[in-house]
């Protein structure tokens, strides 16, 4: 997707992805999607089936991106709004629908 110099690409991530919070595994997958967006770091989106959703607490926070749509947020213990997803993203980024993305957790 490209719009006036802004570009987003989505492709399978290279290799397995693991997310750990305070030494505890939160997510593990071989099916992550890498979203590359102009001016932003690469973000890895993980299918909900591969996330410990029992550790996620829904947040009241929502943000809007003109390129992706409205994001919903979840908190991890001791880490408010650490996780987000686009439940109903714009058609151009439909592959990330419902996939979770994590802020500043250990990935490997």
PDB file of N, CA and C in Angstrom:
ATOM      1  N   UNK A   1       0.844  -1.175   0.000  1.00  0.00           N
ATOM      2  CA  UNK A   1       0.000   0.000   0.000  1.00  0.00           C
ATOM      3  C   UNK A   1       0.887   1.234   0.000  1.00  0.00           C
ATOM      4  N   UNK A   2       0.591   2.203  -0.860  1.00  0.00           N
ATOM      5  CA  UNK A   2       1.336   3.448  -0.925  1.00  0.00           C
ATOM      6  C   UNK A   2       0.360   4.609  -1.015  1.00  0.00           C
ATOM      7  N   UNK A   3       0.628   5.674  -0.272  1.00  0.00           N
ATOM      8  CA  UNK A   3      -0.196   6.860  -0.312  1.00  0.00           C
ATOM      9  C   UNK A   3       0.680   8.075  -0.089  1.00  0.00           C
ATOM     10  N   UNK A   4       0.775   8.938  -1.081  1.00  0.00           N
ATOM     11  CA  UNK A   4       1.575  10.164  -1.025  1.00  0.00           C
ATOM     12  C   UNK A   4       2.886   9.978  -0.267  1.00  0.00           C
ATOM     13  N   UNK A   5       3.696   9.028  -0.719  1.00  0.00           N
ATOM     14  CA  UNK A   5       4.997   8.802  -0.128  1.00  0.00           C
ATOM     15  C   UNK A   5       4.992   7.883   1.081  1.00  0.00           C
ATOM     16  N   UNK A   6       3.829   7.540   1.581  1.00  0.00           N
ATOM     17  CA  UNK A   6       3.718   6.633   2.731  1.00  0.00           C
ATOM     18  C   UNK A   6       3.515   5.229   2.186  1.00  0.00           C
ATOM     19  N   UNK A   7       4.264   4.288   2.727  1.00  0.00           N
ATOM     20  CA  UNK A   7       4.185   2.920   2.220  1.00  0.00           C
ATOM     21  C   UNK A   7       4.082   1.939   3.380  1.00  0.00           C
ATOM     22  N   UNK A   8       3.236   0.924   3.211  1.00  0.00           N
ATOM     23  CA  UNK A   8       3.120  -0.179   4.162  1.00  0.00           C
ATOM     24  C   UNK A   8       3.222  -1.479   3.375  1.00  0.00           C
ATOM     25  N   UNK A   9       4.072  -2.382   3.857  1.00  0.00           N
ATOM     26  CA  UNK A   9       4.144  -3.726   3.289  1.00  0.00           C
ATOM     27  C   UNK A   9       3.975  -4.729   4.428  1.00  0.00           C
ATOM     28  N   UNK A  10       3.374  -5.847   4.112  1.00  0.00           N
ATOM     29  CA  UNK A  10       3.171  -6.923   5.080  1.00  0.00           C
ATOM     30  C   UNK A  10       3.646  -8.210   4.430  1.00  0.00           C
ATOM     31  N   UNK A  11       4.503  -8.926   5.161  1.00  0.00           N
ATOM     32  CA  UNK A  11       5.008 -10.197   4.645  1.00  0.00           C
ATOM     33  C   UNK A  11       5.296 -11.124   5.819  1.00  0.00           C
ATOM     34  N   UNK A  12       5.430 -12.418   5.564  1.00  0.00           N
ATOM     35  CA  UNK A  12       5.772 -13.328   6.664  1.00  0.00           C
ATOM     36  C   UNK A  12       7.098 -12.909   7.309  1.00  0.00           C
ATOM     37  N   UNK A  13       7.156 -13.000   8.622  1.00  0.00           N
ATOM     38  CA  UNK A  13       8.385 -12.681   9.351  1.00  0.00           C
ATOM     39  C   UNK A  13       9.434 -13.750   9.072  1.00  0.00           C
ATOM     40  N   UNK A  14      10.685 -13.369   9.184  1.00  0.00           N
ATOM     41  CA  UNK A  14      11.787 -14.313   9.014  1.00  0.00           C
ATOM     42  C   UNK A  14      11.943 -15.145  10.281  1.00  0.00           C
ATOM     43  N   UNK A  15      11.615 -16.412  10.211  1.00  0.00           N
ATOM     44  CA  UNK A  15      11.835 -17.313  11.331  1.00  0.00           C
ATOM     45  C   UNK A  15      10.831 -17.172  12.456  1.00  0.00           C
ATOM     46  N   UNK A  16      11.057 -17.962  13.509  1.00  0.00           N
ATOM     47  CA  UNK A  16      10.139 -17.953  14.642  1.00  0.00           C
ATOM     48  C   UNK A  16      10.244 -16.661  15.455  1.00  0.00           C
ATOM     49  N   UNK A  17       9.153 -16.320  16.129  1.00  0.00           N
ATOM     50  CA  UNK A  17       9.099 -15.134  16.987  1.00  0.00           C
ATOM     51  C   UNK A  17       8.646 -15.588  18.361  1.00  0.00           C
ATOM     52  N   UNK A  18       9.319 -15.065  19.364  1.00  0.00           N
ATOM     53  CA  UNK A  18       8.970 -15.364  20.748  1.00  0.00           C
ATOM     54  C   UNK A  18       8.928 -14.056  21.508  1.00  0.00           C
ATOM     55  N   UNK A  19       7.889 -13.852  22.335  1.00  0.00           N
ATOM     56  CA  UNK A  19       7.771 -12.653  23.162  1.00  0.00           C
ATOM     57  C   UNK A  19       7.786 -13.109  24.616  1.00  0.00           C
ATOM     58  N   UNK A  20       8.662 -12.463  25.408  1.00  0.00           N
ATOM     59  CA  UNK A  20       8.829 -12.810  26.813  1.00  0.00           C
ATOM     60  C   UNK A  20       8.653 -11.551  27.647  1.00  0.00           C
ATOM     61  N   UNK A  21       7.922 -11.644  28.741  1.00  0.00           N
ATOM     62  CA  UNK A  21       7.741 -10.516  29.669  1.00  0.00           C
ATOM     63  C   UNK A  21       8.161 -10.984  31.053  1.00  0.00           C
ATOM     64  N   UNK A  22       9.172 -10.334  31.614  1.00  0.00           N
ATOM     65  CA  UNK A  22       9.694 -10.705  32.943  1.00  0.00           C
ATOM     66  C   UNK A  22      10.010 -12.195  33.032  1.00  0.00           C
ATOM     67  N   UNK A  23      10.623 -12.721  31.978  1.00  0.00           N
ATOM     68  CA  UNK A  23      11.036 -14.113  31.951  1.00  0.00           C
ATOM     69  C   UNK A  23       9.931 -15.098  31.618  1.00  0.00           C
ATOM     70  N   UNK A  24       8.708 -14.622  31.482  1.00  0.00           N
ATOM     71  CA  UNK A  24       7.581 -15.508  31.187  1.00  0.00           C
ATOM     72  C   UNK A  24       7.201 -15.406  29.709  1.00  0.00           C
ATOM     73  N   UNK A  25       7.110 -16.548  29.011  1.00  0.00           N
ATOM     74  CA  UNK A  25       6.696 -16.512  27.610  1.00  0.00           C
ATOM     75  C   UNK A  25       5.268 -15.983  27.479  1.00  0.00           C
ATOM     76  N   UNK A  26       5.081 -15.041  26.572  1.00  0.00           N
ATOM     77  CA  UNK A  26       3.768 -14.453  26.326  1.00  0.00           C
ATOM     78  C   UNK A  26       3.246 -14.884  24.956  1.00  0.00           C
ATOM     79  N   UNK A  27       4.160 -15.074  24.005  1.00  0.00           N
ATOM     80  CA  UNK A  27       3.768 -15.496  22.654  1.00  0.00           C
ATOM     81  C   UNK A  27       4.921 -16.255  22.009  1.00  0.00           C
ATOM     82  N   UNK A  28       4.530 -17.175  21.143  1.00  0.00           N
ATOM     83  CA  UNK A  28       5.514 -17.939  20.380  1.00  0.00           C
ATOM     84  C   UNK A  28       4.838 -18.363  19.082  1.00  0.00           C
ATOM     85  N   UNK A  29       5.497 -18.073  17.952  1.00  0.00           N
ATOM     86  CA  UNK A  29       4.871 -18.401  16.669  1.00  0.00           C
ATOM     87  C   UNK A  29       5.891 -18.570  15.558  1.00  0.00           C
ATOM     88  N   UNK A  30       5.489 -19.313  14.561  1.00  0.00           N
ATOM     89  CA  UNK A  30       6.217 -19.408  13.293  1.00  0.00           C
ATOM     90  C   UNK A  30       5.405 -18.717  12.199  1.00  0.00           C
ATOM     91  N   UNK A  31       4.310 -18.027  12.609  1.00  0.00           N
ATOM     92  CA  UNK A  31       3.379 -17.451  11.636  1.00  0.00           C
ATOM     93  C   UNK A  31       3.233 -15.938  11.771  1.00  0.00           C
ATOM     94  N   UNK A  32       4.219 -15.270  12.354  1.00  0.00           N
ATOM     95  CA  UNK A  32       4.130 -13.815  12.522  1.00  0.00           C
ATOM     96  C   UNK A  32       4.196 -13.109  11.170  1.00  0.00           C
ATOM     97  N   UNK A  33       3.600 -11.930  11.136  1.00  0.00           N
ATOM     98  CA  UNK A  33       3.672 -11.062   9.955  1.00  0.00           C
ATOM     99  C   UNK A  33       4.518  -9.843  10.294  1.00  0.00           C
ATOM    100  N   UNK A  34       5.415  -9.483   9.394  1.00  0.00           N
ATOM    101  CA  UNK A  34       6.243  -8.288   9.566  1.00  0.00           C
ATOM    102  C   UNK A  34       5.600  -7.142   8.797  1.00  0.00           C
ATOM    103  N   UNK A  35       5.242  -6.084   9.518  1.00  0.00           N
ATOM    104  CA  UNK A  35       4.656  -4.899   8.893  1.00  0.00           C
ATOM    105  C   UNK A  35       5.725  -3.820   8.846  1.00  0.00           C
ATOM    106  N   UNK A  36       6.029  -3.379   7.650  1.00  0.00           N
ATOM    107  CA  UNK A  36       6.991  -2.300   7.445  1.00  0.00           C
ATOM    108  C   UNK A  36       6.223  -1.072   6.981  1.00  0.00           C
ATOM    109  N   UNK A  37       6.433   0.039   7.716  1.00  0.00           N
ATOM    110  CA  UNK A  37       5.710   1.271   7.429  1.00  0.00           C
ATOM    111  C   UNK A  37       6.697   2.429   7.392  1.00  0.00           C
ATOM    112  N   UNK A  38       6.544   3.291   6.412  1.00  0.00           N
ATOM    113  CA  UNK A  38       7.413   4.455   6.259  1.00  0.00           C
ATOM    114  C   UNK A  38       7.548   5.200   7.583  1.00  0.00           C
ATOM    115  N   UNK A  39       8.790   5.422   8.008  1.00  0.00           N
ATOM    116  CA  UNK A  39       9.057   6.205   9.209  1.00  0.00           C
ATOM    117  C   UNK A  39       8.847   5.489  10.523  1.00  0.00           C
ATOM    118  N   UNK A  40       8.551   4.191  10.498  1.00  0.00           N
ATOM    119  CA  UNK A  40       8.285   3.433  11.722  1.00  0.00           C
ATOM    120  C   UNK A  40       9.180   2.193  11.766  1.00  0.00           C
ATOM    121  N   UNK A  41       9.444   1.689  12.989  1.00  0.00           N
ATOM    122  CA  UNK A  41      10.193   0.429  13.065  1.00  0.00           C
ATOM    123  C   UNK A  41       9.348  -0.719  12.537  1.00  0.00           C
ATOM    124  N   UNK A  42      10.000  -1.786  12.108  1.00  0.00           N
ATOM    125  CA  UNK A  42       9.283  -2.991  11.697  1.00  0.00           C
ATOM    126  C   UNK A  42       8.529  -3.519  12.909  1.00  0.00           C
ATOM    127  N   UNK A  43       7.278  -3.852  12.720  1.00  0.00           N
ATOM    128  CA  UNK A  43       6.454  -4.399  13.793  1.00  0.00           C
ATOM    129  C   UNK A  43       6.024  -5.811  13.419  1.00  0.00           C
ATOM    130  N   UNK A  44       6.113  -6.712  14.395  1.00  0.00           N
ATOM    131  CA  UNK A  44       5.725  -8.093  14.186  1.00  0.00           C
ATOM    132  C   UNK A  44       4.339  -8.324  14.768  1.00  0.00           C
ATOM    133  N   UNK A  45       3.442  -8.811  13.948  1.00  0.00           N
ATOM    134  CA  UNK A  45       2.073  -9.094  14.347  1.00  0.00           C
ATOM    135  C   UNK A  45       1.906 -10.602  14.474  1.00  0.00           C
ATOM    136  N   UNK A  46       1.348 -11.034  15.607  1.00  0.00           N
ATOM    137  CA  UNK A  46       1.297 -12.451  15.964  1.00  0.00           C
ATOM    138  C   UNK A  46      -0.163 -12.922  16.013  1.00  0.00           C
ATOM    139  N   UNK A  47      -0.458 -14.082  15.397  1.00  0.00           N
ATOM    140  CA  UNK A  47      -1.831 -14.594  15.426  1.00  0.00           C
ATOM    141  C   UNK A  47      -2.290 -14.821  16.868  1.00  0.00           C
ATOM    142  N   UNK A  48      -3.561 -14.541  17.158  1.00  0.00           N
ATOM    143  CA  UNK A  48      -4.052 -14.679  18.530  1.00  0.00           C
ATOM    144  C   UNK A  48      -3.914 -16.090  19.092  1.00  0.00           C
ATOM    145  N   UNK A  49      -3.958 -17.092  18.239  1.00  0.00           N
ATOM    146  CA  UNK A  49      -3.821 -18.480  18.705  1.00  0.00           C
ATOM    147  C   UNK A  49      -2.446 -18.744  19.297  1.00  0.00           C
ATOM    148  N   UNK A  50      -1.473 -17.897  18.976  1.00  0.00           N
ATOM    149  CA  UNK A  50      -0.098 -18.099  19.424  1.00  0.00           C
ATOM    150  C   UNK A  50       0.302 -17.132  20.544  1.00  0.00           C
ATOM    151  N   UNK A  51      -0.700 -16.471  21.144  1.00  0.00           N
ATOM    152  CA  UNK A  51      -0.483 -15.502  22.223  1.00  0.00           C
ATOM    153  C   UNK A  51      -1.177 -15.996  23.487  1.00  0.00           C
ATOM    154  N   UNK A  52      -0.518 -15.835  24.618  1.00  0.00           N
ATOM    155  CA  UNK A  52      -1.131 -16.161  25.919  1.00  0.00           C
ATOM    156  C   UNK A  52      -2.133 -15.066  26.261  1.00  0.00           C
ATOM    157  N   UNK A  53      -3.306 -15.141  25.669  1.00  0.00           N
ATOM    158  CA  UNK A  53      -4.309 -14.102  25.868  1.00  0.00           C
ATOM    159  C   UNK A  53      -4.822 -14.075  27.306  1.00  0.00           C
ATOM    160  N   UNK A  54      -4.587 -15.151  28.065  1.00  0.00           N
ATOM    161  CA  UNK A  54      -4.982 -15.159  29.475  1.00  0.00           C
ATOM    162  C   UNK A  54      -4.185 -14.138  30.289  1.00  0.00           C
ATOM    163  N   UNK A  55      -3.057 -13.677  29.759  1.00  0.00           N
ATOM    164  CA  UNK A  55      -2.237 -12.667  30.437  1.00  0.00           C
ATOM    165  C   UNK A  55      -2.623 -11.244  30.046  1.00  0.00           C
ATOM    166  N   UNK A  56      -3.465 -11.097  29.025  1.00  0.00           N
ATOM    167  CA  UNK A  56      -3.831  -9.776  28.514  1.00  0.00           C
ATOM    168  C   UNK A  56      -5.099  -9.249  29.191  1.00  0.00           C
ATOM    169  N   UNK A  57      -5.045  -7.990  29.586  1.00  0.00           N
ATOM    170  CA  UNK A  57      -6.207  -7.329  30.190  1.00  0.00           C
ATOM    171  C   UNK A  57      -6.635  -6.208  29.246  1.00  0.00           C
ATOM    172  N   UNK A  58      -7.888  -6.231  28.763  1.00  0.00           N
ATOM    173  CA  UNK A  58      -8.332  -5.182  27.840  1.00  0.00           C
ATOM    174  C   UNK A  58      -8.174  -3.791  28.458  1.00  0.00           C
ATOM    175  N   UNK A  59      -7.776  -2.851  27.626  1.00  0.00           N
ATOM    176  CA  UNK A  59      -7.591  -1.463  28.037  1.00  0.00           C
ATOM    177  C   UNK A  59      -8.708  -0.613  27.441  1.00  0.00           C
ATOM    178  N   UNK A  60      -8.900   0.553  27.993  1.00  0.00           N
ATOM    179  CA  UNK A  60      -9.857   1.505  27.429  1.00  0.00           C
ATOM    180  C   UNK A  60      -9.248   2.278  26.259  1.00  0.00           C
ATOM    181  N   UNK A  61      -7.954   2.157  26.062  1.00  0.00           N
ATOM    182  CA  UNK A  61      -7.250   2.942  25.054  1.00  0.00           C
ATOM    183  C   UNK A  61      -7.552   2.454  23.635  1.00  0.00           C
ATOM    184  N   UNK A  62      -7.756   3.425  22.752  1.00  0.00           N
ATOM    185  CA  UNK A  62      -7.896   3.174  21.322  1.00  0.00           C
ATOM    186  C   UNK A  62      -7.171   4.308  20.610  1.00  0.00           C
ATOM    187  N   UNK A  63      -6.514   3.989  19.527  1.00  0.00           N
ATOM    188  CA  UNK A  63      -5.870   5.022  18.712  1.00  0.00           C
ATOM    189  C   UNK A  63      -6.288   4.818  17.266  1.00  0.00           C
ATOM    190  N   UNK A  64      -6.152   5.874  16.497  1.00  0.00           N
ATOM    191  CA  UNK A  64      -6.529   5.803  15.089  1.00  0.00           C
ATOM    192  C   UNK A  64      -5.326   6.108  14.203  1.00  0.00           C
ATOM    193  N   UNK A  65      -5.088   5.268  13.233  1.00  0.00           N
ATOM    194  CA  UNK A  65      -4.062   5.476  12.217  1.00  0.00           C
ATOM    195  C   UNK A  65      -4.777   5.630  10.880  1.00  0.00           C
ATOM    196  N   UNK A  66      -4.500   6.697  10.129  1.00  0.00           N
ATOM    197  CA  UNK A  66      -5.194   6.880   8.857  1.00  0.00           C
ATOM    198  C   UNK A  66      -4.867   5.800   7.822  1.00  0.00           C
ATOM    199  N   UNK A  67      -3.810   5.035   8.065  1.00  0.00           N
ATOM    200  CA  UNK A  67      -3.407   3.999   7.113  1.00  0.00           C
ATOM    201  C   UNK A  67      -3.846   2.595   7.521  1.00  0.00           C
ATOM    202  N   UNK A  68      -4.023   2.379   8.836  1.00  0.00           N
ATOM    203  CA  UNK A  68      -4.368   1.039   9.320  1.00  0.00           C
ATOM    204  C   UNK A  68      -5.749   0.964   9.954  1.00  0.00           C
ATOM    205  N   UNK A  69      -6.243   2.039  10.523  1.00  0.00           N
ATOM    206  CA  UNK A  69      -7.552   2.026  11.166  1.00  0.00           C
ATOM    207  C   UNK A  69      -7.443   2.239  12.664  1.00  0.00           C
ATOM    208  N   UNK A  70      -8.432   1.727  13.410  1.00  0.00           N
ATOM    209  CA  UNK A  70      -8.492   1.915  14.857  1.00  0.00           C
ATOM    210  C   UNK A  70      -7.891   0.713  15.573  1.00  0.00           C
ATOM    211  N   UNK A  71      -6.941   1.007  16.467  1.00  0.00           N
ATOM    212  CA  UNK A  71      -6.278  -0.032  17.255  1.00  0.00           C
ATOM    213  C   UNK A  71      -6.902  -0.113  18.640  1.00  0.00           C
ATOM    214  N   UNK A  72      -7.037  -1.325  19.137  1.00  0.00           N
ATOM    215  CA  UNK A  72      -7.437  -1.591  20.520  1.00  0.00           C
ATOM    216  C   UNK A  72      -6.195  -2.043  21.277  1.00  0.00           C
ATOM    217  N   UNK A  73      -6.179  -1.797  22.602  1.00  0.00           N
ATOM    218  CA  UNK A  73      -4.997  -2.092  23.418  1.00  0.00           C
ATOM    219  C   UNK A  73      -5.323  -3.034  24.560  1.00  0.00           C
ATOM    220  N   UNK A  74      -4.280  -3.733  25.032  1.00  0.00           N
ATOM    221  CA  UNK A  74      -4.340  -4.614  26.184  1.00  0.00           C
ATOM    222  C   UNK A  74      -3.114  -4.345  27.038  1.00  0.00           C
ATOM    223  N   UNK A  75      -3.244  -4.647  28.315  1.00  0.00           N
ATOM    224  CA  UNK A  75      -2.122  -4.495  29.242  1.00  0.00           C
ATOM    225  C   UNK A  75      -1.622  -5.867  29.662  1.00  0.00           C
ATOM    226  N   UNK A  76      -0.328  -5.909  29.968  1.00  0.00           N
ATOM    227  CA  UNK A  76       0.284  -7.070  30.601  1.00  0.00           C
ATOM    228  C   UNK A  76       0.514  -6.705  32.066  1.00  0.00           C
ATOM    229  N   UNK A  77       0.684  -7.675  32.943  1.00  0.00           N
ATOM    230  CA  UNK A  77       0.946  -7.339  34.344  1.00  0.00           C
ATOM    231  C   UNK A  77       2.099  -6.341  34.472  1.00  0.00           C
ATOM    232  N   UNK A  78       1.828  -5.207  35.107  1.00  0.00           N
ATOM    233  CA  UNK A  78       2.842  -4.184  35.312  1.00  0.00           C
ATOM    234  C   UNK A  78       3.207  -3.400  34.073  1.00  0.00           C
ATOM    235  N   UNK A  79       2.479  -3.588  32.999  1.00  0.00           N
ATOM    236  CA  UNK A  79       2.829  -2.940  31.723  1.00  0.00           C
ATOM    237  C   UNK A  79       1.556  -2.504  31.003  1.00  0.00           C
ATOM    238  N   UNK A  80       1.016  -1.291  31.332  1.00  0.00           N
ATOM    239  CA  UNK A  80      -0.222  -0.844  30.692  1.00  0.00           C
ATOM    240  C   UNK A  80      -0.062  -0.621  29.185  1.00  0.00           C
ATOM    241  N   UNK A  81      -1.105  -0.953  28.468  1.00  0.00           N
ATOM    242  CA  UNK A  81      -1.175  -0.702  27.020  1.00  0.00           C
ATOM    243  C   UNK A  81       0.052  -1.218  26.264  1.00  0.00           C
ATOM    244  N   UNK A  82       0.508  -2.398  26.618  1.00  0.00           N
ATOM    245  CA  UNK A  82       1.726  -2.966  26.033  1.00  0.00           C
ATOM    246  C   UNK A  82       1.479  -3.703  24.724  1.00  0.00           C
ATOM    247  N   UNK A  83       0.213  -3.976  24.429  1.00  0.00           N
ATOM    248  CA  UNK A  83      -0.139  -4.815  23.286  1.00  0.00           C
ATOM    249  C   UNK A  83      -1.279  -4.143  22.531  1.00  0.00           C
ATOM    250  N   UNK A  84      -1.234  -4.218  21.212  1.00  0.00           N
ATOM    251  CA  UNK A  84      -2.347  -3.676  20.434  1.00  0.00           C
ATOM    252  C   UNK A  84      -2.670  -4.584  19.269  1.00  0.00           C
ATOM    253  N   UNK A  85      -3.863  -4.350  18.733  1.00  0.00           N
ATOM    254  CA  UNK A  85      -4.320  -5.080  17.548  1.00  0.00           C
ATOM    255  C   UNK A  85      -5.311  -4.198  16.805  1.00  0.00           C
ATOM    256  N   UNK A  86      -5.473  -4.502  15.541  1.00  0.00           N
ATOM    257  CA  UNK A  86      -6.479  -3.850  14.707  1.00  0.00           C
ATOM    258  C   UNK A  86      -7.571  -4.879  14.430  1.00  0.00           C
ATOM    259  N   UNK A  87      -8.647  -4.874  15.227  1.00  0.00           N
ATOM    260  CA  UNK A  87      -9.707  -5.869  15.024  1.00  0.00           C
ATOM    261  C   UNK A  87     -10.386  -5.764  13.659  1.00  0.00           C
ATOM    262  N   UNK A  88     -10.500  -4.550  13.145  1.00  0.00           N
ATOM    263  CA  UNK A  88     -11.159  -4.316  11.858  1.00  0.00           C
ATOM    264  C   UNK A  88     -10.331  -3.299  11.068  1.00  0.00           C
ATOM    265  N   UNK A  89      -9.153  -3.723  10.576  1.00  0.00           N
ATOM    266  CA  UNK A  89      -8.271  -2.770   9.909  1.00  0.00           C
ATOM    267  C   UNK A  89      -8.793  -2.355   8.538  1.00  0.00           C
ATOM    268  N   UNK A  90      -8.158  -1.340   8.003  1.00  0.00           N
ATOM    269  CA  UNK A  90      -8.480  -0.911   6.636  1.00  0.00           C
ATOM    270  C   UNK A  90      -8.170  -2.065   5.677  1.00  0.00           C
ATOM    271  N   UNK A  91      -8.897  -2.142   4.569  1.00  0.00           N
ATOM    272  CA  UNK A  91      -8.718  -3.268   3.637  1.00  0.00           C
ATOM    273  C   UNK A  91      -7.277  -3.465   3.165  1.00  0.00           C
ATOM    274  N   UNK A  92      -6.528  -2.391   3.041  1.00  0.00           N
ATOM    275  CA  UNK A  92      -5.150  -2.489   2.546  1.00  0.00           C
ATOM    276  C   UNK A  92      -4.230  -3.258   3.493  1.00  0.00           C
ATOM    277  N   UNK A  93      -4.600  -3.346   4.766  1.00  0.00           N
ATOM    278  CA  UNK A  93      -3.772  -4.079   5.728  1.00  0.00           C
ATOM    279  C   UNK A  93      -4.560  -5.224   6.381  1.00  0.00           C
ATOM    280  N   UNK A  94      -5.542  -5.737   5.673  1.00  0.00           N
ATOM    281  CA  UNK A  94      -6.421  -6.792   6.189  1.00  0.00           C
ATOM    282  C   UNK A  94      -5.679  -8.005   6.768  1.00  0.00           C
ATOM    283  N   UNK A  95      -4.508  -8.388   6.268  1.00  0.00           N
ATOM    284  CA  UNK A  95      -3.843  -9.571   6.836  1.00  0.00           C
ATOM    285  C   UNK A  95      -3.530  -9.475   8.335  1.00  0.00           C
ATOM    286  N   UNK A  96      -3.429  -8.254   8.891  1.00  0.00           N
ATOM    287  CA  UNK A  96      -3.111  -8.147  10.323  1.00  0.00           C
ATOM    288  C   UNK A  96      -4.360  -8.139  11.212  1.00  0.00           C
ATOM    289  N   UNK A  97      -5.530  -8.295  10.644  1.00  0.00           N
ATOM    290  CA  UNK A  97      -6.781  -8.257  11.422  1.00  0.00           C
ATOM    291  C   UNK A  97      -6.718  -9.228  12.600  1.00  0.00           C
ATOM    292  N   UNK A  98      -6.871  -8.675  13.819  1.00  0.00           N
ATOM    293  CA  UNK A  98      -6.901  -9.490  15.013  1.00  0.00           C
ATOM    294  C   UNK A  98      -5.563  -9.978  15.516  1.00  0.00           C
ATOM    295  N   UNK A  99      -4.488  -9.739  14.771  1.00  0.00           N
ATOM    296  CA  UNK A  99      -3.153 -10.150  15.206  1.00  0.00           C
ATOM    297  C   UNK A  99      -2.644  -9.174  16.263  1.00  0.00           C
ATOM    298  N   UNK A 100      -1.879  -9.683  17.221  1.00  0.00           N
ATOM    299  CA  UNK A 100      -1.350  -8.856  18.303  1.00  0.00           C
ATOM    300  C   UNK A 100       0.067  -8.375  18.012  1.00  0.00           C
ATOM    301  N   UNK A 101       0.345  -7.162  18.460  1.00  0.00           N
ATOM    302  CA  UNK A 101       1.678  -6.584  18.349  1.00  0.00           C
ATOM    303  C   UNK A 101       2.080  -6.084  19.734  1.00  0.00           C
ATOM    304  N   UNK A 102       3.351  -6.221  20.081  1.00  0.00           N
ATOM    305  CA  UNK A 102       3.848  -5.923  21.422  1.00  0.00           C
ATOM    306  C   UNK A 102       4.831  -4.769  21.421  1.00  0.00           C
ATOM    307  N   UNK A 103       4.688  -3.870  22.415  1.00  0.00           N
ATOM    308  CA  UNK A 103       5.654  -2.798  22.656  1.00  0.00           C
ATOM    309  C   UNK A 103       6.763  -3.302  23.546  1.00  0.00           C
ATOM    310  N   UNK A 104       8.003  -3.065  23.188  1.00  0.00           N
ATOM    311  CA  UNK A 104       9.155  -3.154  24.083  1.00  0.00           C
ATOM    312  C   UNK A 104       9.248  -4.404  24.946  1.00  0.00           C
ATOM    313  N   UNK A 105       8.821  -5.511  24.457  1.00  0.00           N
ATOM    314  CA  UNK A 105       9.039  -6.764  25.198  1.00  0.00           C
ATOM    315  C   UNK A 105      10.235  -7.449  24.561  1.00  0.00           C
ATOM    316  N   UNK A 106      10.766  -8.441  25.237  1.00  0.00           N
ATOM    317  CA  UNK A 106      11.887  -9.181  24.675  1.00  0.00           C
ATOM    318  C   UNK A 106      11.354 -10.081  23.562  1.00  0.00           C
ATOM    319  N   UNK A 107      11.905  -9.897  22.372  1.00  0.00           N
ATOM    320  CA  UNK A 107      11.533 -10.759  21.246  1.00  0.00           C
ATOM    321  C   UNK A 107      12.772 -11.508  20.804  1.00  0.00           C
ATOM    322  N   UNK A 108      12.589 -12.736  20.405  1.00  0.00           N
ATOM    323  CA  UNK A 108      13.732 -13.485  19.939  1.00  0.00           C
ATOM    324  C   UNK A 108      13.332 -14.727  19.235  1.00  0.00           C
TER     325      UNK A 108
END
